[in-house]
PDB file of N, CA and C in Angstrom:
ATOM      1  N   MET A   1      30.587  48.233  45.650  1.00  0.00           N
ATOM      2  CA  MET A   1      30.163  48.867  44.249  1.00  0.00           C
ATOM      3  C   MET A   1      31.747  48.444  43.497  1.00  0.00           C
ATOM      4  N   THR A   2      31.377  48.132  42.361  1.00  0.00           N
ATOM      5  CA  THR A   2      32.566  47.763  41.381  1.00  0.00           C
ATOM      6  C   THR A   2      32.862  49.158  40.438  1.00  0.00           C
ATOM      7  N   ASP A   3      33.937  48.806  40.059  1.00  0.00           N
ATOM      8  CA  ASP A   3      34.499  50.172  39.193  1.00  0.00           C
ATOM      9  C   ASP A   3      33.526  50.288  37.941  1.00  0.00           C
ATOM     10  N   ARG A   4      32.856  49.191  37.322  1.00  0.00           N
ATOM     11  CA  ARG A   4      32.179  49.354  36.413  1.00  0.00           C
ATOM     12  C   ARG A   4      30.796  49.812  36.677  1.00  0.00           C
ATOM     13  N   GLU A   5      30.481  49.821  37.938  1.00  0.00           N
ATOM     14  CA  GLU A   5      29.211  50.667  38.547  1.00  0.00           C
ATOM     15  C   GLU A   5      29.240  51.793  38.688  1.00  0.00           C
ATOM     16  N   ILE A   6      30.783  52.156  39.228  1.00  0.00           N
ATOM     17  CA  ILE A   6      31.009  53.717  39.404  1.00  0.00           C
ATOM     18  C   ILE A   6      30.893  54.253  37.918  1.00  0.00           C
ATOM     19  N   LEU A   7      31.486  53.752  37.196  1.00  0.00           N
ATOM     20  CA  LEU A   7      31.675  53.896  35.555  1.00  0.00           C
ATOM     21  C   LEU A   7      30.177  54.184  35.083  1.00  0.00           C
ATOM     22  N   GLU A   8      29.339  53.544  35.091  1.00  0.00           N
ATOM     23  CA  GLU A   8      28.025  53.762  34.854  1.00  0.00           C
ATOM     24  C   GLU A   8      27.440  54.720  35.520  1.00  0.00           C
ATOM     25  N   GLY A   9      27.580  55.233  36.738  1.00  0.00           N
ATOM     26  CA  GLY A   9      27.164  56.206  37.676  1.00  0.00           C
ATOM     27  C   GLY A   9      27.574  57.294  37.211  1.00  0.00           C
ATOM     28  N   ILE A  10      28.917  57.588  36.729  1.00  0.00           N
ATOM     29  CA  ILE A  10      29.438  58.801  36.323  1.00  0.00           C
ATOM     30  C   ILE A  10      28.879  58.902  34.876  1.00  0.00           C
ATOM     31  N   ALA A  11      28.594  57.828  33.902  1.00  0.00           N
ATOM     32  CA  ALA A  11      28.179  57.967  32.551  1.00  0.00           C
ATOM     33  C   ALA A  11      26.907  58.581  32.633  1.00  0.00           C
ATOM     34  N   ALA A  12      25.938  58.333  33.684  1.00  0.00           N
ATOM     35  CA  ALA A  12      24.245  58.682  33.925  1.00  0.00           C
ATOM     36  C   ALA A  12      24.628  59.968  34.420  1.00  0.00           C
ATOM     37  N   VAL A  13      25.380  60.342  35.002  1.00  0.00           N
ATOM     38  CA  VAL A  13      25.536  61.918  35.674  1.00  0.00           C
ATOM     39  C   VAL A  13      25.882  62.979  34.526  1.00  0.00           C
ATOM     40  N   ALA A  14      26.876  62.271  33.830  1.00  0.00           N
ATOM     41  CA  ALA A  14      27.250  63.168  32.361  1.00  0.00           C
ATOM     42  C   ALA A  14      26.071  63.413  31.346  1.00  0.00           C
ATOM     43  N   ARG A  15      25.404  62.399  31.321  1.00  0.00           N
ATOM     44  CA  ARG A  15      24.362  62.549  30.408  1.00  0.00           C
ATOM     45  C   ARG A  15      23.175  63.240  30.939  1.00  0.00           C
ATOM     46  N   GLU A  16      22.850  63.199  32.085  1.00  0.00           N
ATOM     47  CA  GLU A  16      21.732  64.299  32.894  1.00  0.00           C
ATOM     48  C   GLU A  16      22.139  65.394  33.084  1.00  0.00           C
ATOM     49  N   HIS A  17      23.241  65.619  33.514  1.00  0.00           N
ATOM     50  CA  HIS A  17      23.647  67.019  34.162  1.00  0.00           C
ATOM     51  C   HIS A  17      24.575  67.935  32.987  1.00  0.00           C
ATOM     52  N   VAL A  18      25.259  67.132  32.288  1.00  0.00           N
ATOM     53  CA  VAL A  18      26.197  67.843  31.232  1.00  0.00           C
ATOM     54  C   VAL A  18      26.009  67.843  30.144  1.00  0.00           C
ATOM     55  N   GLY A  19      24.951  67.262  29.487  1.00  0.00           N
ATOM     56  CA  GLY A  19      24.873  66.877  28.344  1.00  0.00           C
ATOM     57  C   GLY A  19      25.397  65.779  27.348  1.00  0.00           C
ATOM     58  N   PHE A  20      26.472  65.030  28.005  1.00  0.00           N
ATOM     59  CA  PHE A  20      27.356  63.989  27.126  1.00  0.00           C
ATOM     60  C   PHE A  20      26.347  62.902  26.590  1.00  0.00           C
ATOM     61  N   GLY A  21      26.800  62.814  25.170  1.00  0.00           N
ATOM     62  CA  GLY A  21      25.820  61.767  24.579  1.00  0.00           C
ATOM     63  C   GLY A  21      26.177  60.514  24.150  1.00  0.00           C
ATOM     64  N   GLY A  22      27.638  60.347  24.224  1.00  0.00           N
ATOM     65  CA  GLY A  22      28.408  59.033  23.731  1.00  0.00           C
ATOM     66  C   GLY A  22      28.562  57.970  25.250  1.00  0.00           C
ATOM     67  N   GLU A  23      29.291  57.082  24.619  1.00  0.00           N
ATOM     68  CA  GLU A  23      29.524  55.925  25.470  1.00  0.00           C
ATOM     69  C   GLU A  23      30.887  56.451  26.297  1.00  0.00           C
ATOM     70  N   LEU A  24      30.956  56.321  27.925  1.00  0.00           N
ATOM     71  CA  LEU A  24      32.320  56.577  28.222  1.00  0.00           C
ATOM     72  C   LEU A  24      32.958  55.629  28.766  1.00  0.00           C
ATOM     73  N   GLN A  25      34.345  55.928  28.433  1.00  0.00           N
ATOM     74  CA  GLN A  25      35.308  54.903  28.360  1.00  0.00           C
ATOM     75  C   GLN A  25      36.248  55.728  29.296  1.00  0.00           C
ATOM     76  N   PRO A  26      37.262  54.579  30.058  1.00  0.00           N
ATOM     77  CA  PRO A  26      38.095  55.066  31.169  1.00  0.00           C
ATOM     78  C   PRO A  26      39.235  55.890  30.701  1.00  0.00           C
ATOM     79  N   GLU A  27      39.402  55.603  29.328  1.00  0.00           N
ATOM     80  CA  GLU A  27      40.590  56.502  28.985  1.00  0.00           C
ATOM     81  C   GLU A  27      40.290  57.857  28.486  1.00  0.00           C
ATOM     82  N   MET A  28      38.973  58.292  28.428  1.00  0.00           N
ATOM     83  CA  MET A  28      38.647  59.417  28.058  1.00  0.00           C
ATOM     84  C   MET A  28      39.100  60.686  28.855  1.00  0.00           C
ATOM     85  N   ARG A  29      39.337  61.748  28.348  1.00  0.00           N
ATOM     86  CA  ARG A  29      39.805  63.048  29.072  1.00  0.00           C
ATOM     87  C   ARG A  29      38.691  63.903  29.648  1.00  0.00           C
ATOM     88  N   LEU A  30      38.450  64.197  30.569  1.00  0.00           N
ATOM     89  CA  LEU A  30      37.283  64.850  31.041  1.00  0.00           C
ATOM     90  C   LEU A  30      36.905  66.018  30.206  1.00  0.00           C
ATOM     91  N   VAL A  31      37.939  66.978  30.193  1.00  0.00           N
ATOM     92  CA  VAL A  31      37.920  68.127  29.271  1.00  0.00           C
ATOM     93  C   VAL A  31      38.096  68.126  27.844  1.00  0.00           C
ATOM     94  N   GLU A  32      38.856  67.296  27.185  1.00  0.00           N
ATOM     95  CA  GLU A  32      39.042  67.278  25.806  1.00  0.00           C
ATOM     96  C   GLU A  32      38.012  66.080  25.288  1.00  0.00           C
ATOM     97  N   SER A  33      37.839  64.923  25.766  1.00  0.00           N
ATOM     98  CA  SER A  33      37.210  64.041  25.295  1.00  0.00           C
ATOM     99  C   SER A  33      35.594  64.305  25.275  1.00  0.00           C
ATOM    100  N   LEU A  34      35.056  64.738  26.831  1.00  0.00           N
ATOM    101  CA  LEU A  34      33.795  65.145  27.105  1.00  0.00           C
ATOM    102  C   LEU A  34      33.401  66.354  26.623  1.00  0.00           C
ATOM    103  N   GLY A  35      34.209  67.465  26.348  1.00  0.00           N
ATOM    104  CA  GLY A  35      34.116  68.771  25.937  1.00  0.00           C
ATOM    105  C   GLY A  35      33.695  69.698  26.995  1.00  0.00           C
ATOM    106  N   LEU A  36      34.207  69.184  28.340  1.00  0.00           N
ATOM    107  CA  LEU A  36      33.652  69.762  29.347  1.00  0.00           C
ATOM    108  C   LEU A  36      34.362  71.297  29.792  1.00  0.00           C
ATOM    109  N   ASP A  37      33.562  72.409  29.777  1.00  0.00           N
ATOM    110  CA  ASP A  37      34.219  73.714  30.122  1.00  0.00           C
ATOM    111  C   ASP A  37      34.275  73.781  31.759  1.00  0.00           C
ATOM    112  N   SER A  38      34.632  74.801  32.255  1.00  0.00           N
ATOM    113  CA  SER A  38      35.010  74.681  33.607  1.00  0.00           C
ATOM    114  C   SER A  38      33.604  74.909  34.483  1.00  0.00           C
ATOM    115  N   LEU A  39      32.674  75.159  33.948  1.00  0.00           N
ATOM    116  CA  LEU A  39      31.312  75.113  34.569  1.00  0.00           C
ATOM    117  C   LEU A  39      30.671  73.745  34.810  1.00  0.00           C
ATOM    118  N   LYS A  40      30.942  72.962  33.506  1.00  0.00           N
ATOM    119  CA  LYS A  40      30.227  71.762  33.567  1.00  0.00           C
ATOM    120  C   LYS A  40      30.960  70.689  34.501  1.00  0.00           C
ATOM    121  N   LEU A  41      32.555  70.989  34.198  1.00  0.00           N
ATOM    122  CA  LEU A  41      33.347  70.392  35.201  1.00  0.00           C
ATOM    123  C   LEU A  41      33.025  70.427  36.374  1.00  0.00           C
ATOM    124  N   LEU A  42      32.695  71.584  37.091  1.00  0.00           N
ATOM    125  CA  LEU A  42      32.148  71.957  38.261  1.00  0.00           C
ATOM    126  C   LEU A  42      31.010  71.278  38.659  1.00  0.00           C
ATOM    127  N   THR A  43      29.753  71.036  37.575  1.00  0.00           N
ATOM    128  CA  THR A  43      28.707  70.533  37.814  1.00  0.00           C
ATOM    129  C   THR A  43      28.884  69.106  37.768  1.00  0.00           C
ATOM    130  N   LEU A  44      29.623  68.384  37.071  1.00  0.00           N
ATOM    131  CA  LEU A  44      30.204  66.918  37.062  1.00  0.00           C
ATOM    132  C   LEU A  44      30.478  66.600  38.558  1.00  0.00           C
ATOM    133  N   ALA A  45      31.470  67.336  39.011  1.00  0.00           N
ATOM    134  CA  ALA A  45      32.031  67.051  40.307  1.00  0.00           C
ATOM    135  C   ALA A  45      31.073  67.109  41.313  1.00  0.00           C
ATOM    136  N   VAL A  46      30.110  68.119  41.298  1.00  0.00           N
ATOM    137  CA  VAL A  46      29.056  68.260  42.432  1.00  0.00           C
ATOM    138  C   VAL A  46      28.032  67.169  42.299  1.00  0.00           C
ATOM    139  N   GLU A  47      27.487  66.909  40.876  1.00  0.00           N
ATOM    140  CA  GLU A  47      26.783  65.748  40.946  1.00  0.00           C
ATOM    141  C   GLU A  47      27.180  64.512  40.964  1.00  0.00           C
ATOM    142  N   VAL A  48      28.544  64.075  41.048  1.00  0.00           N
ATOM    143  CA  VAL A  48      29.235  63.269  41.390  1.00  0.00           C
ATOM    144  C   VAL A  48      29.177  62.541  42.749  1.00  0.00           C
ATOM    145  N   GLU A  49      29.511  63.935  43.645  1.00  0.00           N
ATOM    146  CA  GLU A  49      29.681  63.825  44.774  1.00  0.00           C
ATOM    147  C   GLU A  49      28.236  63.501  45.465  1.00  0.00           C
ATOM    148  N   ASN A  50      26.988  63.939  44.712  1.00  0.00           N
ATOM    149  CA  ASN A  50      25.693  63.859  45.401  1.00  0.00           C
ATOM    150  C   ASN A  50      25.140  62.446  45.044  1.00  0.00           C
ATOM    151  N   ARG A  51      25.464  62.001  43.872  1.00  0.00           N
ATOM    152  CA  ARG A  51      25.210  60.513  43.493  1.00  0.00           C
ATOM    153  C   ARG A  51      25.750  59.588  44.389  1.00  0.00           C
ATOM    154  N   PHE A  52      27.002  59.593  44.818  1.00  0.00           N
ATOM    155  CA  PHE A  52      27.847  58.705  45.444  1.00  0.00           C
ATOM    156  C   PHE A  52      28.108  59.155  46.908  1.00  0.00           C
ATOM    157  N   ARG A  53      27.573  60.024  47.253  1.00  0.00           N
ATOM    158  CA  ARG A  53      27.563  60.487  48.728  1.00  0.00           C
ATOM    159  C   ARG A  53      28.876  60.489  49.119  1.00  0.00           C
ATOM    160  N   ILE A  54      29.631  61.236  48.362  1.00  0.00           N
ATOM    161  CA  ILE A  54      31.100  61.431  48.984  1.00  0.00           C
ATOM    162  C   ILE A  54      31.436  62.948  48.640  1.00  0.00           C
ATOM    163  N   CYS A  55      32.524  63.489  49.727  1.00  0.00           N
ATOM    164  CA  CYS A  55      33.032  64.655  49.093  1.00  0.00           C
ATOM    165  C   CYS A  55      34.577  64.725  48.448  1.00  0.00           C
ATOM    166  N   LEU A  56      34.698  65.189  47.369  1.00  0.00           N
ATOM    167  CA  LEU A  56      36.022  65.489  46.659  1.00  0.00           C
ATOM    168  C   LEU A  56      36.939  66.226  47.390  1.00  0.00           C
ATOM    169  N   ASP A  57      37.900  65.799  47.509  1.00  0.00           N
ATOM    170  CA  ASP A  57      38.877  66.633  48.164  1.00  0.00           C
ATOM    171  C   ASP A  57      39.501  67.541  47.243  1.00  0.00           C
ATOM    172  N   PRO A  58      39.917  68.965  47.408  1.00  0.00           N
ATOM    173  CA  PRO A  58      40.474  69.556  46.341  1.00  0.00           C
ATOM    174  C   PRO A  58      41.847  69.182  45.748  1.00  0.00           C
ATOM    175  N   GLU A  59      42.466  68.617  46.695  1.00  0.00           N
ATOM    176  CA  GLU A  59      44.185  67.954  46.057  1.00  0.00           C
ATOM    177  C   GLU A  59      43.475  66.821  45.097  1.00  0.00           C
ATOM    178  N   ASP A  60      42.457  66.004  45.590  1.00  0.00           N
ATOM    179  CA  ASP A  60      42.013  65.128  44.576  1.00  0.00           C
ATOM    180  C   ASP A  60      41.571  65.360  43.599  1.00  0.00           C
ATOM    181  N   GLU A  61      40.855  66.677  43.522  1.00  0.00           N
ATOM    182  CA  GLU A  61      40.345  66.935  42.246  1.00  0.00           C
ATOM    183  C   GLU A  61      41.267  67.496  41.147  1.00  0.00           C
ATOM    184  N   ALA A  62      42.275  67.988  41.649  1.00  0.00           N
ATOM    185  CA  ALA A  62      43.584  68.653  40.915  1.00  0.00           C
ATOM    186  C   ALA A  62      44.159  67.136  40.056  1.00  0.00           C
ATOM    187  N   GLY A  63      44.180  66.115  40.412  1.00  0.00           N
ATOM    188  CA  GLY A  63      44.693  65.138  39.846  1.00  0.00           C
ATOM    189  C   GLY A  63      43.917  64.451  38.964  1.00  0.00           C
ATOM    190  N   ILE A  64      42.588  64.714  38.637  1.00  0.00           N
ATOM    191  CA  ILE A  64      41.714  64.094  38.083  1.00  0.00           C
ATOM    192  C   ILE A  64      41.767  64.905  36.548  1.00  0.00           C
ATOM    193  N   GLU A  65      42.389  64.038  35.859  1.00  0.00           N
ATOM    194  CA  GLU A  65      42.455  64.277  34.274  1.00  0.00           C
ATOM    195  C   GLU A  65      41.159  63.300  33.241  1.00  0.00           C
ATOM    196  N   THR A  66      41.379  62.080  33.832  1.00  0.00           N
ATOM    197  CA  THR A  66      40.571  61.206  32.787  1.00  0.00           C
ATOM    198  C   THR A  66      39.485  60.452  33.777  1.00  0.00           C
ATOM    199  N   VAL A  67      38.616  59.983  33.293  1.00  0.00           N
ATOM    200  CA  VAL A  67      37.225  59.107  33.564  1.00  0.00           C
ATOM    201  C   VAL A  67      37.952  57.989  34.444  1.00  0.00           C
ATOM    202  N   ALA A  68      39.115  57.143  34.406  1.00  0.00           N
ATOM    203  CA  ALA A  68      39.538  56.483  35.253  1.00  0.00           C
ATOM    204  C   ALA A  68      40.313  57.021  36.316  1.00  0.00           C
ATOM    205  N   ASP A  69      40.742  58.472  36.058  1.00  0.00           N
ATOM    206  CA  ASP A  69      41.105  59.012  37.614  1.00  0.00           C
ATOM    207  C   ASP A  69      39.886  59.087  38.348  1.00  0.00           C
ATOM    208  N   LEU A  70      38.772  59.737  37.799  1.00  0.00           N
ATOM    209  CA  LEU A  70      37.406  60.050  38.512  1.00  0.00           C
ATOM    210  C   LEU A  70      37.234  58.672  39.182  1.00  0.00           C
ATOM    211  N   VAL A  71      36.923  57.613  38.373  1.00  0.00           N
ATOM    212  CA  VAL A  71      36.831  56.367  39.071  1.00  0.00           C
ATOM    213  C   VAL A  71      37.755  55.698  40.346  1.00  0.00           C
ATOM    214  N   ALA A  72      38.962  56.010  40.106  1.00  0.00           N
ATOM    215  CA  ALA A  72      39.568  55.467  41.150  1.00  0.00           C
ATOM    216  C   ALA A  72      39.482  56.526  42.486  1.00  0.00           C
ATOM    217  N   THR A  73      39.270  57.780  42.187  1.00  0.00           N
ATOM    218  CA  THR A  73      39.054  59.064  43.381  1.00  0.00           C
ATOM    219  C   THR A  73      37.869  58.413  44.041  1.00  0.00           C
ATOM    220  N   ILE A  74      36.756  57.967  43.421  1.00  0.00           N
ATOM    221  CA  ILE A  74      35.543  57.877  43.736  1.00  0.00           C
ATOM    222  C   ILE A  74      35.584  56.808  44.580  1.00  0.00           C
ATOM    223  N   ARG A  75      36.529  55.367  44.083  1.00  0.00           N
ATOM    224  CA  ARG A  75      36.542  54.090  44.507  1.00  0.00           C
ATOM    225  C   ARG A  75      37.289  54.413  46.154  1.00  0.00           C
ATOM    226  N   LYS A  76      38.494  55.477  45.935  1.00  0.00           N
ATOM    227  CA  LYS A  76      39.132  55.610  47.233  1.00  0.00           C
ATOM    228  C   LYS A  76      38.229  56.476  48.092  1.00  0.00           C
ATOM    229  N   GLN A  77      37.086  57.247  47.867  1.00  0.00           N
ATOM    230  CA  GLN A  77      36.203  57.834  48.839  1.00  0.00           C
ATOM    231  C   GLN A  77      35.210  56.697  49.435  1.00  0.00           C
ATOM    232  N   LEU A  78      34.912  55.925  48.724  1.00  0.00           N
ATOM    233  CA  LEU A  78      34.050  54.856  49.186  1.00  0.00           C
ATOM    234  C   LEU A  78      34.380  54.068  49.988  1.00  0.00           C
ATOM    235  N   ASP A  79      35.952  53.654  49.758  1.00  0.00           N
ATOM    236  CA  ASP A  79      36.746  52.746  50.694  1.00  0.00           C
ATOM    237  C   ASP A  79      37.019  53.313  51.969  1.00  0.00           C
ATOM    238  N   ALA A  80      37.078  54.495  52.197  1.00  0.00           N
ATOM    239  CA  ALA A  80      37.455  55.067  53.212  1.00  0.00           C
ATOM    240  C   ALA A  80      36.393  55.123  54.336  1.00  0.00           C
TER     241      ALA A  80
END
């Protein structure tokens, strides 16, 4: 799976589960750019885990601030 495919998967989750309607860019910040509050951020994390069949580690989650961070974390989990 390429980073672009991961980004597209995140975008689909964001549209379907947290109501994000714009185009997702790697440099976007999850809270500020996507307008996610704590509940929507948790929803995004859970639905990303479901879509990619991974389990995000709490220490990994703490370092995720941008869409690119999320893509890299998913890549790391998929490659493990």
